[in-house]
Structures are given as structure tokens and as C-alpha cells.
Full PDB file with SEQRES, HELIX, SHEET, SSBOND, CRYST1, ORIGX, SCALE, CONECT and MASTER records, all heavy atoms in Angstrom:
SEQRES   1 A   32  VAL ARG GLU MET ASN ARG THR GLY MET LEU VAL ASP LEU          
SEQRES   2 A   32  SER HIS VAL ALA PRO THR THR MET ARG ASP ALA LEU ASP          
SEQRES   3 A   32  THR THR ALA ALA PRO VAL                                      
HELIX    1 AA1 ARG A    2  THR A    7  1                                   6    
HELIX    2 AA2 PRO A   18  THR A   27  1                                  10    
CRYST1    1.000    1.000    1.000  90.00  90.00  90.00 P 1           1          
ORIGX1      1.000000  0.000000  0.000000        0.00000                         
ORIGX2      0.000000  1.000000  0.000000        0.00000                         
ORIGX3      0.000000  0.000000  1.000000        0.00000                         
SCALE1      1.000000  0.000000  0.000000        0.00000                         
SCALE2      0.000000  1.000000  0.000000        0.00000                         
SCALE3      0.000000  0.000000  1.000000        0.00000                         
ATOM      1  N   VAL A   1      -6.514  -6.081 -12.089  1.00  0.00           N  
ATOM      2  CA  VAL A   1      -5.936  -5.224 -11.045  1.00  0.00           C  
ATOM      3  C   VAL A   1      -5.749  -6.025  -9.832  1.00  0.00           C  
ATOM      4  O   VAL A   1      -4.683  -5.925  -9.198  1.00  0.00           O  
ATOM      5  CB  VAL A   1      -6.861  -3.973 -10.943  1.00  0.00           C  
ATOM      6  CG1 VAL A   1      -6.503  -3.243  -9.653  1.00  0.00           C  
ATOM      7  CG2 VAL A   1      -7.005  -3.123 -12.150  1.00  0.00           C  
ATOM      8  N   ARG A   2      -6.792  -6.781  -9.437  1.00  0.00           N  
ATOM      9  CA  ARG A   2      -6.559  -7.598  -8.275  1.00  0.00           C  
ATOM     10  C   ARG A   2      -5.505  -8.574  -8.281  1.00  0.00           C  
ATOM     11  O   ARG A   2      -4.688  -8.755  -7.370  1.00  0.00           O  
ATOM     12  CB  ARG A   2      -7.900  -8.312  -7.959  1.00  0.00           C  
ATOM     13  CG  ARG A   2      -8.961  -7.445  -7.382  1.00  0.00           C  
ATOM     14  CD  ARG A   2     -10.117  -8.180  -6.936  1.00  0.00           C  
ATOM     15  NE  ARG A   2     -10.998  -8.733  -8.087  1.00  0.00           N  
ATOM     16  CZ  ARG A   2     -12.108  -8.109  -8.591  1.00  0.00           C  
ATOM     17  NH1 ARG A   2     -12.493  -6.912  -8.051  1.00  0.00           N  
ATOM     18  NH2 ARG A   2     -12.662  -8.643  -9.621  1.00  0.00           N  
ATOM     19  N   GLU A   3      -5.143  -9.131  -9.510  1.00  0.00           N  
ATOM     20  CA  GLU A   3      -4.144 -10.170  -9.579  1.00  0.00           C  
ATOM     21  C   GLU A   3      -2.865  -9.435  -9.590  1.00  0.00           C  
ATOM     22  O   GLU A   3      -1.789  -9.902  -9.027  1.00  0.00           O  
ATOM     23  CB  GLU A   3      -4.379 -11.008 -10.761  1.00  0.00           C  
ATOM     24  CG  GLU A   3      -3.389 -12.246 -10.837  1.00  0.00           C  
ATOM     25  CD  GLU A   3      -3.674 -13.239  -9.693  1.00  0.00           C  
ATOM     26  OE1 GLU A   3      -4.632 -13.100  -8.899  1.00  0.00           O  
ATOM     27  OE2 GLU A   3      -2.866 -14.186  -9.554  1.00  0.00           O  
ATOM     28  N   MET A   4      -2.711  -8.292 -10.253  1.00  0.00           N  
ATOM     29  CA  MET A   4      -1.522  -7.449 -10.193  1.00  0.00           C  
ATOM     30  C   MET A   4      -1.194  -7.207  -8.714  1.00  0.00           C  
ATOM     31  O   MET A   4      -0.055  -7.270  -8.281  1.00  0.00           O  
ATOM     32  CB  MET A   4      -1.709  -6.189 -10.964  1.00  0.00           C  
ATOM     33  CG  MET A   4      -1.737  -6.485 -12.447  1.00  0.00           C  
ATOM     34  SD  MET A   4      -2.042  -4.899 -13.454  1.00  0.00           S  
ATOM     35  CE  MET A   4      -0.391  -4.174 -13.248  1.00  0.00           C  
ATOM     36  N   ASN A   5      -2.130  -6.720  -7.880  1.00  0.00           N  
ATOM     37  CA  ASN A   5      -1.974  -6.582  -6.513  1.00  0.00           C  
ATOM     38  C   ASN A   5      -1.408  -7.698  -5.887  1.00  0.00           C  
ATOM     39  O   ASN A   5      -0.480  -7.611  -4.883  1.00  0.00           O  
ATOM     40  CB  ASN A   5      -3.236  -6.092  -5.815  1.00  0.00           C  
ATOM     41  CG  ASN A   5      -3.932  -4.787  -6.307  1.00  0.00           C  
ATOM     42  OD1 ASN A   5      -5.028  -4.502  -5.905  1.00  0.00           O  
ATOM     43  ND2 ASN A   5      -3.028  -3.858  -6.817  1.00  0.00           N  
ATOM     44  N   ARG A   6      -2.005  -8.817  -6.077  1.00  0.00           N  
ATOM     45  CA  ARG A   6      -1.622 -10.101  -5.380  1.00  0.00           C  
ATOM     46  C   ARG A   6      -0.116 -10.449  -5.745  1.00  0.00           C  
ATOM     47  O   ARG A   6       0.671 -11.044  -4.870  1.00  0.00           O  
ATOM     48  CB  ARG A   6      -2.494 -11.313  -5.784  1.00  0.00           C  
ATOM     49  CG  ARG A   6      -2.436 -12.477  -4.834  1.00  0.00           C  
ATOM     50  CD  ARG A   6      -3.177 -13.561  -5.441  1.00  0.00           C  
ATOM     51  NE  ARG A   6      -2.418 -13.988  -6.627  1.00  0.00           N  
ATOM     52  CZ  ARG A   6      -1.367 -14.811  -6.573  1.00  0.00           C  
ATOM     53  NH1 ARG A   6      -0.876 -15.286  -5.451  1.00  0.00           N  
ATOM     54  NH2 ARG A   6      -0.682 -15.302  -7.610  1.00  0.00           N  
ATOM     55  N   THR A   7       0.257 -10.353  -7.059  1.00  0.00           N  
ATOM     56  CA  THR A   7       1.715 -10.653  -7.411  1.00  0.00           C  
ATOM     57  C   THR A   7       2.653  -9.657  -6.903  1.00  0.00           C  
ATOM     58  O   THR A   7       3.852  -9.997  -6.872  1.00  0.00           O  
ATOM     59  CB  THR A   7       1.796 -10.833  -8.933  1.00  0.00           C  
ATOM     60  OG1 THR A   7       1.565  -9.464  -9.602  1.00  0.00           O  
ATOM     61  CG2 THR A   7       0.855 -11.824  -9.469  1.00  0.00           C  
ATOM     62  N   GLY A   8       2.249  -8.335  -6.801  1.00  0.00           N  
ATOM     63  CA  GLY A   8       3.168  -7.289  -6.433  1.00  0.00           C  
ATOM     64  C   GLY A   8       3.595  -6.485  -7.609  1.00  0.00           C  
ATOM     65  O   GLY A   8       4.554  -5.761  -7.581  1.00  0.00           O  
ATOM     66  N   MET A   9       2.822  -6.544  -8.729  1.00  0.00           N  
ATOM     67  CA  MET A   9       3.035  -5.818  -9.929  1.00  0.00           C  
ATOM     68  C   MET A   9       2.376  -4.465  -9.809  1.00  0.00           C  
ATOM     69  O   MET A   9       1.060  -4.545  -9.546  1.00  0.00           O  
ATOM     70  CB  MET A   9       2.688  -6.498 -11.155  1.00  0.00           C  
ATOM     71  CG  MET A   9       3.150  -5.877 -12.535  1.00  0.00           C  
ATOM     72  SD  MET A   9       2.596  -6.760 -14.018  1.00  0.00           S  
ATOM     73  CE  MET A   9       3.659  -8.232 -13.821  1.00  0.00           C  
ATOM     74  N   LEU A  10       2.972  -3.397  -9.936  1.00  0.00           N  
ATOM     75  CA  LEU A  10       2.429  -2.056  -9.812  1.00  0.00           C  
ATOM     76  C   LEU A  10       1.334  -1.899 -10.923  1.00  0.00           C  
ATOM     77  O   LEU A  10       1.635  -2.222 -12.117  1.00  0.00           O  
ATOM     78  CB  LEU A  10       3.357  -0.949  -9.906  1.00  0.00           C  
ATOM     79  CG  LEU A  10       4.206  -0.774  -8.606  1.00  0.00           C  
ATOM     80  CD1 LEU A  10       5.488   0.066  -8.988  1.00  0.00           C  
ATOM     81  CD2 LEU A  10       3.474  -0.071  -7.515  1.00  0.00           C  
ATOM     82  N   VAL A  11       0.192  -1.414 -10.732  1.00  0.00           N  
ATOM     83  CA  VAL A  11      -0.843  -0.972 -11.645  1.00  0.00           C  
ATOM     84  C   VAL A  11      -0.527   0.467 -12.138  1.00  0.00           C  
ATOM     85  O   VAL A  11      -0.456   1.419 -11.397  1.00  0.00           O  
ATOM     86  CB  VAL A  11      -2.238  -0.900 -10.929  1.00  0.00           C  
ATOM     87  CG1 VAL A  11      -3.214  -0.376 -11.984  1.00  0.00           C  
ATOM     88  CG2 VAL A  11      -2.580  -2.284 -10.432  1.00  0.00           C  
ATOM     89  N   ASP A  12      -0.103   0.451 -13.459  1.00  0.00           N  
ATOM     90  CA  ASP A  12       0.296   1.802 -14.096  1.00  0.00           C  
ATOM     91  C   ASP A  12      -0.869   2.317 -14.848  1.00  0.00           C  
ATOM     92  O   ASP A  12      -1.491   1.671 -15.732  1.00  0.00           O  
ATOM     93  CB  ASP A  12       1.487   1.594 -15.012  1.00  0.00           C  
ATOM     94  CG  ASP A  12       1.837   2.897 -15.823  1.00  0.00           C  
ATOM     95  OD1 ASP A  12       1.576   3.919 -15.309  1.00  0.00           O  
ATOM     96  OD2 ASP A  12       2.675   2.658 -16.781  1.00  0.00           O  
ATOM     97  N   LEU A  13      -1.331   3.489 -14.590  1.00  0.00           N  
ATOM     98  CA  LEU A  13      -2.515   4.132 -15.034  1.00  0.00           C  
ATOM     99  C   LEU A  13      -2.174   5.220 -16.105  1.00  0.00           C  
ATOM    100  O   LEU A  13      -3.070   5.957 -16.614  1.00  0.00           O  
ATOM    101  CB  LEU A  13      -3.373   4.793 -14.001  1.00  0.00           C  
ATOM    102  CG  LEU A  13      -3.848   3.753 -13.092  1.00  0.00           C  
ATOM    103  CD1 LEU A  13      -4.807   4.376 -11.954  1.00  0.00           C  
ATOM    104  CD2 LEU A  13      -4.670   2.663 -13.668  1.00  0.00           C  
ATOM    105  N   SER A  14      -0.856   5.282 -16.610  1.00  0.00           N  
ATOM    106  CA  SER A  14      -0.631   6.108 -17.812  1.00  0.00           C  
ATOM    107  C   SER A  14      -1.326   5.466 -18.991  1.00  0.00           C  
ATOM    108  O   SER A  14      -1.479   4.355 -19.065  1.00  0.00           O  
ATOM    109  CB  SER A  14       0.925   6.162 -18.042  1.00  0.00           C  
ATOM    110  OG  SER A  14       1.457   7.045 -17.172  1.00  0.00           O  
ATOM    111  N   HIS A  15      -1.703   6.281 -19.901  1.00  0.00           N  
ATOM    112  CA  HIS A  15      -2.451   5.896 -21.148  1.00  0.00           C  
ATOM    113  C   HIS A  15      -3.926   5.471 -20.958  1.00  0.00           C  
ATOM    114  O   HIS A  15      -4.591   5.328 -21.997  1.00  0.00           O  
ATOM    115  CB  HIS A  15      -1.635   4.736 -21.900  1.00  0.00           C  
ATOM    116  CG  HIS A  15      -0.469   5.150 -22.671  1.00  0.00           C  
ATOM    117  ND1 HIS A  15      -0.566   5.768 -23.797  1.00  0.00           N  
ATOM    118  CD2 HIS A  15       0.825   4.871 -22.368  1.00  0.00           C  
ATOM    119  CE1 HIS A  15       0.646   5.990 -24.342  1.00  0.00           C  
ATOM    120  NE2 HIS A  15       1.494   5.511 -23.519  1.00  0.00           N  
ATOM    121  N   VAL A  16      -4.387   5.379 -19.768  1.00  0.00           N  
ATOM    122  CA  VAL A  16      -5.707   4.859 -19.636  1.00  0.00           C  
ATOM    123  C   VAL A  16      -6.719   6.026 -19.589  1.00  0.00           C  
ATOM    124  O   VAL A  16      -6.314   7.093 -19.240  1.00  0.00           O  
ATOM    125  CB  VAL A  16      -5.899   3.859 -18.473  1.00  0.00           C  
ATOM    126  CG1 VAL A  16      -4.903   2.722 -18.490  1.00  0.00           C  
ATOM    127  CG2 VAL A  16      -5.856   4.621 -17.058  1.00  0.00           C  
ATOM    128  N   ALA A  17      -7.968   5.721 -19.828  1.00  0.00           N  
ATOM    129  CA  ALA A  17      -9.030   6.769 -19.799  1.00  0.00           C  
ATOM    130  C   ALA A  17      -9.285   7.114 -18.420  1.00  0.00           C  
ATOM    131  O   ALA A  17      -9.056   6.296 -17.476  1.00  0.00           O  
ATOM    132  CB  ALA A  17     -10.291   6.155 -20.456  1.00  0.00           C  
ATOM    133  N   PRO A  18      -9.722   8.415 -18.110  1.00  0.00           N  
ATOM    134  CA  PRO A  18      -9.966   8.750 -16.690  1.00  0.00           C  
ATOM    135  C   PRO A  18     -10.968   7.782 -16.041  1.00  0.00           C  
ATOM    136  O   PRO A  18     -10.826   7.564 -14.888  1.00  0.00           O  
ATOM    137  CB  PRO A  18     -10.635  10.183 -16.919  1.00  0.00           C  
ATOM    138  CG  PRO A  18      -9.979  10.721 -18.129  1.00  0.00           C  
ATOM    139  CD  PRO A  18      -9.802   9.524 -19.027  1.00  0.00           C  
ATOM    140  N   THR A  19     -11.968   7.219 -16.804  1.00  0.00           N  
ATOM    141  CA  THR A  19     -12.820   6.307 -16.185  1.00  0.00           C  
ATOM    142  C   THR A  19     -12.097   4.980 -15.710  1.00  0.00           C  
ATOM    143  O   THR A  19     -12.400   4.408 -14.716  1.00  0.00           O  
ATOM    144  CB  THR A  19     -13.901   5.933 -17.265  1.00  0.00           C  
ATOM    145  OG1 THR A  19     -13.340   5.526 -18.434  1.00  0.00           O  
ATOM    146  CG2 THR A  19     -14.978   6.947 -17.509  1.00  0.00           C  
ATOM    147  N   THR A  20     -11.081   4.601 -16.515  1.00  0.00           N  
ATOM    148  CA  THR A  20     -10.306   3.394 -16.217  1.00  0.00           C  
ATOM    149  C   THR A  20      -9.531   3.772 -14.981  1.00  0.00           C  
ATOM    150  O   THR A  20      -9.317   2.896 -14.015  1.00  0.00           O  
ATOM    151  CB  THR A  20      -9.415   3.061 -17.356  1.00  0.00           C  
ATOM    152  OG1 THR A  20     -10.200   2.803 -18.483  1.00  0.00           O  
ATOM    153  CG2 THR A  20      -8.648   1.756 -16.929  1.00  0.00           C  
ATOM    154  N   MET A  21      -8.869   4.992 -14.912  1.00  0.00           N  
ATOM    155  CA  MET A  21      -8.137   5.352 -13.703  1.00  0.00           C  
ATOM    156  C   MET A  21      -9.047   5.292 -12.432  1.00  0.00           C  
ATOM    157  O   MET A  21      -8.601   4.730 -11.400  1.00  0.00           O  
ATOM    158  CB  MET A  21      -7.744   6.921 -13.771  1.00  0.00           C  
ATOM    159  CG  MET A  21      -6.836   7.299 -14.958  1.00  0.00           C  
ATOM    160  SD  MET A  21      -6.553   9.078 -15.091  1.00  0.00           S  
ATOM    161  CE  MET A  21      -5.660   9.230 -16.647  1.00  0.00           C  
ATOM    162  N   ARG A  22     -10.237   5.820 -12.544  1.00  0.00           N  
ATOM    163  CA  ARG A  22     -11.063   5.666 -11.320  1.00  0.00           C  
ATOM    164  C   ARG A  22     -11.519   4.445 -11.053  1.00  0.00           C  
ATOM    165  O   ARG A  22     -11.616   4.075  -9.668  1.00  0.00           O  
ATOM    166  CB  ARG A  22     -12.415   6.714 -11.688  1.00  0.00           C  
ATOM    167  CG  ARG A  22     -11.920   8.144 -11.916  1.00  0.00           C  
ATOM    168  CD  ARG A  22     -13.058   9.039 -12.240  1.00  0.00           C  
ATOM    169  NE  ARG A  22     -12.599  10.377 -12.645  1.00  0.00           N  
ATOM    170  CZ  ARG A  22     -12.806  10.839 -13.745  1.00  0.00           C  
ATOM    171  NH1 ARG A  22     -13.605  10.288 -14.778  1.00  0.00           N  
ATOM    172  NH2 ARG A  22     -12.409  12.111 -14.102  1.00  0.00           N  
ATOM    173  N   ASP A  23     -11.810   3.618 -11.929  1.00  0.00           N  
ATOM    174  CA  ASP A  23     -12.133   2.193 -11.600  1.00  0.00           C  
ATOM    175  C   ASP A  23     -11.079   1.496 -10.962  1.00  0.00           C  
ATOM    176  O   ASP A  23     -11.182   0.658 -10.010  1.00  0.00           O  
ATOM    177  CB  ASP A  23     -12.576   1.409 -12.972  1.00  0.00           C  
ATOM    178  CG  ASP A  23     -14.032   1.705 -13.315  1.00  0.00           C  
ATOM    179  OD1 ASP A  23     -14.779   2.371 -12.631  1.00  0.00           O  
ATOM    180  OD2 ASP A  23     -14.464   1.210 -14.421  1.00  0.00           O  
ATOM    181  N   ALA A  24      -9.793   1.639 -11.400  1.00  0.00           N  
ATOM    182  CA  ALA A  24      -8.716   1.001 -10.919  1.00  0.00           C  
ATOM    183  C   ALA A  24      -8.419   1.463  -9.588  1.00  0.00           C  
ATOM    184  O   ALA A  24      -8.098   0.561  -8.655  1.00  0.00           O  
ATOM    185  CB  ALA A  24      -7.476   1.204 -11.740  1.00  0.00           C  
ATOM    186  N   LEU A  25      -8.555   2.671  -9.170  1.00  0.00           N  
ATOM    187  CA  LEU A  25      -8.439   3.194  -7.880  1.00  0.00           C  
ATOM    188  C   LEU A  25      -9.532   2.660  -6.867  1.00  0.00           C  
ATOM    189  O   LEU A  25      -9.159   2.473  -5.801  1.00  0.00           O  
ATOM    190  CB  LEU A  25      -8.421   4.713  -7.865  1.00  0.00           C  
ATOM    191  CG  LEU A  25      -7.060   5.491  -8.411  1.00  0.00           C  
ATOM    192  CD1 LEU A  25      -7.408   6.863  -8.649  1.00  0.00           C  
ATOM    193  CD2 LEU A  25      -6.089   5.326  -7.361  1.00  0.00           C  
ATOM    194  N   ASP A  26     -10.644   2.394  -7.510  1.00  0.00           N  
ATOM    195  CA  ASP A  26     -11.766   1.879  -6.686  1.00  0.00           C  
ATOM    196  C   ASP A  26     -11.432   0.360  -6.307  1.00  0.00           C  
ATOM    197  O   ASP A  26     -11.974  -0.056  -5.287  1.00  0.00           O  
ATOM    198  CB  ASP A  26     -13.047   1.922  -7.416  1.00  0.00           C  
ATOM    199  CG  ASP A  26     -13.690   3.352  -7.533  1.00  0.00           C  
ATOM    200  OD1 ASP A  26     -13.267   4.178  -6.761  1.00  0.00           O  
ATOM    201  OD2 ASP A  26     -14.543   3.522  -8.394  1.00  0.00           O  
ATOM    202  N   THR A  27     -10.693  -0.302  -7.118  1.00  0.00           N  
ATOM    203  CA  THR A  27     -10.400  -1.702  -6.970  1.00  0.00           C  
ATOM    204  C   THR A  27      -9.157  -2.064  -6.180  1.00  0.00           C  
ATOM    205  O   THR A  27      -9.072  -2.994  -5.534  1.00  0.00           O  
ATOM    206  CB  THR A  27     -10.539  -2.357  -8.339  1.00  0.00           C  
ATOM    207  OG1 THR A  27     -11.864  -2.260  -8.901  1.00  0.00           O  
ATOM    208  CG2 THR A  27     -10.276  -3.984  -8.087  1.00  0.00           C  
ATOM    209  N   THR A  28      -8.125  -1.284  -6.581  1.00  0.00           N  
ATOM    210  CA  THR A  28      -6.850  -1.688  -6.121  1.00  0.00           C  
ATOM    211  C   THR A  28      -6.663  -1.700  -4.526  1.00  0.00           C  
ATOM    212  O   THR A  28      -7.274  -0.872  -3.796  1.00  0.00           O  
ATOM    213  CB  THR A  28      -5.682  -0.771  -6.710  1.00  0.00           C  
ATOM    214  OG1 THR A  28      -4.430  -1.234  -6.443  1.00  0.00           O  
ATOM    215  CG2 THR A  28      -5.917   0.706  -6.220  1.00  0.00           C  
ATOM    216  N   ALA A  29      -5.883  -2.636  -4.088  1.00  0.00           N  
ATOM    217  CA  ALA A  29      -5.570  -2.733  -2.693  1.00  0.00           C  
ATOM    218  C   ALA A  29      -4.061  -2.342  -2.499  1.00  0.00           C  
ATOM    219  O   ALA A  29      -3.604  -2.452  -1.388  1.00  0.00           O  
ATOM    220  CB  ALA A  29      -5.763  -4.171  -2.185  1.00  0.00           C  
ATOM    221  N   ALA A  30      -3.467  -1.831  -3.439  1.00  0.00           N  
ATOM    222  CA  ALA A  30      -2.050  -1.437  -3.489  1.00  0.00           C  
ATOM    223  C   ALA A  30      -1.866   0.003  -4.049  1.00  0.00           C  
ATOM    224  O   ALA A  30      -2.845   0.284  -4.968  1.00  0.00           O  
ATOM    225  CB  ALA A  30      -1.051  -2.447  -4.121  1.00  0.00           C  
ATOM    226  N   PRO A  31      -0.888   0.721  -3.855  1.00  0.00           N  
ATOM    227  CA  PRO A  31      -0.674   1.962  -4.549  1.00  0.00           C  
ATOM    228  C   PRO A  31      -0.416   1.695  -6.097  1.00  0.00           C  
ATOM    229  O   PRO A  31       0.013   0.701  -6.663  1.00  0.00           O  
ATOM    230  CB  PRO A  31       0.604   2.446  -3.999  1.00  0.00           C  
ATOM    231  CG  PRO A  31       0.889   1.792  -2.642  1.00  0.00           C  
ATOM    232  CD  PRO A  31       0.170   0.404  -2.872  1.00  0.00           C  
ATOM    233  N   VAL A  32      -0.946   2.663  -6.792  1.00  0.00           N  
ATOM    234  CA  VAL A  32      -0.852   2.699  -8.302  1.00  0.00           C  
ATOM    235  C   VAL A  32       0.260   3.791  -8.660  1.00  0.00           C  
ATOM    236  O   VAL A  32       0.840   4.514  -7.757  1.00  0.00           O  
ATOM    237  CB  VAL A  32      -2.132   3.134  -8.936  1.00  0.00           C  
ATOM    238  CG1 VAL A  32      -3.202   2.129  -8.589  1.00  0.00           C  
ATOM    239  CG2 VAL A  32      -2.403   4.658  -8.608  1.00  0.00           C  
TER     240      VAL A  32                                                      
MASTER        0    0    0    2    0    0    0    6  239    1    0    3          
END                                                                             
């Protein structure tokens, strides 16, 4: 997630578990 933020690639949370959604939102420095 952090490296996606750094490159400018959007983090897409379709298909992931709600726990993964929440973890990604806790970590990301960019919109998902």
C-alpha cells in the first residue's frame, strides 16, 4: 500500500475482506 501511494497507483479495495479495507485505510497516505 505504501509503495502504491509513492508511485501514484490507486489502492483498489474491491474484492478485499473488510479487515483488509480497514487496514489499507489505516495505512494509506492517498485516497483509495
